[in-house]
Amino acid sequence: SSYNLTMSVLEKNHQHQKVLELFDEIEANNLSNENIIVPTSLTYGLAISACQNQKNWQRALQLLEQCKSKEIDNIIIYTGAMSACEESGEWQKVLNLFDEILLRHRQNKHLI
């Protein structure tokens, strides 16, 4: 979508706050039923990457939870959230996410 392209350009130009503002705009439009845009794993991945660069591990984990509830989580989403936690020194959160990945692998719920 044009949103993903715009978010990608913003992310490459280190405009991390603008990436999150655009993501929030997508979410707000969806809540008000205006121009509904379905965020993809790419949309979430870009937002999580922006969180990593802003050291906003809490928001990254919120976005990961949204992905899991929509069943669009993947290994890239998880590693992005892990990196956001690592950047913020939240090592226990990194380990928890790693354990979650291992558990899903054992349950044959592979992350693509």
Foldseek 3Di string as FASTA:
>chain_A
DVLLVVLVVCVVVLVLVVLLVSVVVQVVCVVVVHPHDDDAVSSLLSNLLSLLVVLNLVVLVVSQVVCVVVVRDAPSSLVSSLSSCVSNVNVVVNVVSVVVQVVCVVVVVHGD
